[in-house]
Every structure is written in C-alpha cells, then in structure tokens.
Protein backbone atom coordinates (compact mmCIF):
# COMPACT_ATOMS: atom_id res chain seq x y z
CA MET A 1 -7.06 -4.23 7.93
CA ALA A 2 -8.77 -3.82 4.60
CA PHE A 3 -6.98 -3.23 1.34
CA ARG A 4 -7.51 0.37 0.19
CA GLY A 5 -8.15 -0.02 -3.53
CA GLU A 6 -9.11 3.63 -3.92
CA LEU A 7 -5.42 4.47 -3.55
CA LEU A 8 -4.73 2.45 -6.71
CA LYS A 9 -7.32 4.42 -8.64
CA THR A 10 -5.89 7.72 -7.42
CA TRP A 11 -2.36 6.62 -8.37
CA ARG A 12 -3.48 5.29 -11.77
CA MET A 13 -5.40 8.43 -12.68
CA SER A 14 -2.58 10.72 -11.53
CA HIS A 15 -0.28 8.86 -13.94
CA GLY A 16 -2.79 8.98 -16.81
CA LEU A 17 -3.05 5.20 -17.07
CA THR A 18 -5.96 2.98 -18.02
CA GLN A 19 -6.79 0.01 -15.82
CA ALA A 20 -5.27 -2.26 -18.47
CA GLU A 21 -2.02 -0.26 -18.53
CA ALA A 22 -1.80 -0.17 -14.73
CA GLY A 23 -2.51 -3.89 -14.50
CA ALA A 24 0.17 -4.64 -17.08
CA ARG A 25 2.73 -2.96 -14.82
CA ILE A 26 2.18 -5.64 -12.19
CA ASN A 27 1.29 -8.41 -14.65
CA VAL A 28 -2.43 -8.66 -13.86
CA SER A 29 -5.47 -8.29 -16.09
CA GLN A 30 -7.57 -5.15 -16.43
CA ASN A 31 -10.41 -7.02 -14.74
CA PHE A 32 -8.27 -7.97 -11.73
CA TRP A 33 -6.95 -4.39 -11.42
CA ARG A 34 -10.53 -3.06 -11.52
CA ASN A 35 -11.53 -5.56 -8.83
CA LEU A 36 -8.65 -4.35 -6.66
CA GLU A 37 -9.68 -0.71 -7.12
CA THR A 38 -13.29 -1.44 -6.22
CA GLY A 39 -12.51 -3.74 -3.29
CA ILE A 40 -13.98 -6.86 -4.85
CA LYS A 41 -10.61 -8.63 -4.69
CA GLN A 42 -7.78 -8.55 -2.16
CA PRO A 43 -4.22 -8.98 -3.42
CA SER A 44 -1.96 -11.81 -2.32
CA VAL A 45 1.05 -10.83 -0.23
CA ASP A 46 3.31 -11.12 -3.28
CA THR A 47 0.99 -8.93 -5.36
CA LEU A 48 0.68 -6.44 -2.51
CA VAL A 49 4.46 -6.05 -2.36
CA LEU A 50 4.63 -5.68 -6.16
CA ILE A 51 1.89 -3.03 -6.08
CA SER A 52 3.81 -1.15 -3.40
CA GLN A 53 7.07 -1.31 -5.34
CA THR A 54 5.38 -0.23 -8.57
CA THR A 55 3.25 2.59 -7.19
CA GLY A 56 5.44 3.84 -4.37
CA ILE A 57 2.51 3.48 -1.96
CA SER A 58 3.63 1.79 1.25
CA VAL A 59 2.17 -1.58 2.20
CA ASP A 60 0.99 0.02 5.45
CA ASP A 61 -0.93 2.69 3.53
CA LEU A 62 -2.38 0.11 1.14
CA LEU A 63 -3.65 -1.86 4.13
CA GLY A 64 -5.17 1.19 5.80
CA ASN A 65 -2.48 1.48 8.44
CA PRO A 66 -0.65 4.72 7.58
CA THR A 67 3.01 4.74 8.46
CA GLN A 68 3.46 6.66 11.66
CA PRO A 69 6.67 7.38 13.51
CA LEU A 70 7.25 5.22 16.53
CA PRO A 71 6.65 7.06 19.80
CA THR A 72 9.76 8.01 21.68
CA GLN A 73 9.97 6.17 24.93
CA GLU A 74 11.45 8.23 27.71
CA PRO A 75 13.52 6.30 30.27
CA GLU A 76 11.76 5.73 33.56
CA GLN A 77 12.92 7.94 36.38
CA GLY A 78 16.00 6.36 37.91
CA GLU A 79 16.88 4.37 34.76
CA ARG A 80 19.98 5.17 32.83
CA GLU A 81 20.40 4.89 29.10
CA ALA A 82 23.01 2.42 27.88
CA VAL A 83 26.01 4.14 26.38
C-alpha cells in the first residue's frame, strides 16, 4: 500500500491552509509536508495516525485501502446461528 499524499493536498486546500500551516498542525516542517503531498516521503506510523486524527481522513484511505464494510457471511446450509 502506498501513502496517498494527494489526499493531504486536497484536505489542505479545502481548509485554505498553506503547507507550513498544515505542517504546523502535526508538528512537521513545510518541507516535510510538501514531501508527503508529493509522495517523496512516507510518514511513520505515529505521524500517519496524527495525520488521520488531524485531517479526519482514515488511515485506510491514506494508505490507499478505502474503508469498506465487511461482507456479511451467511451461515452454511444446516448450520445454526448461536443465540
């Protein structure tokens, strides 16, 4: 899974922030934020979680794995569900 930095740019622009302002929200430099947006850098797990908490973008979405509902598994014929 690759980090989807373009989501950061979309979020930042929709909030009217500069790269420096957006970076300050997660305590990183403008240069590091720009490198995240352009895919030059990948965030650490801690930074990824902080980005998710700050932007409201799920970690799954940031990693290119959109959150999808789990499929419903039907019981096999002859099986009973536990009550």
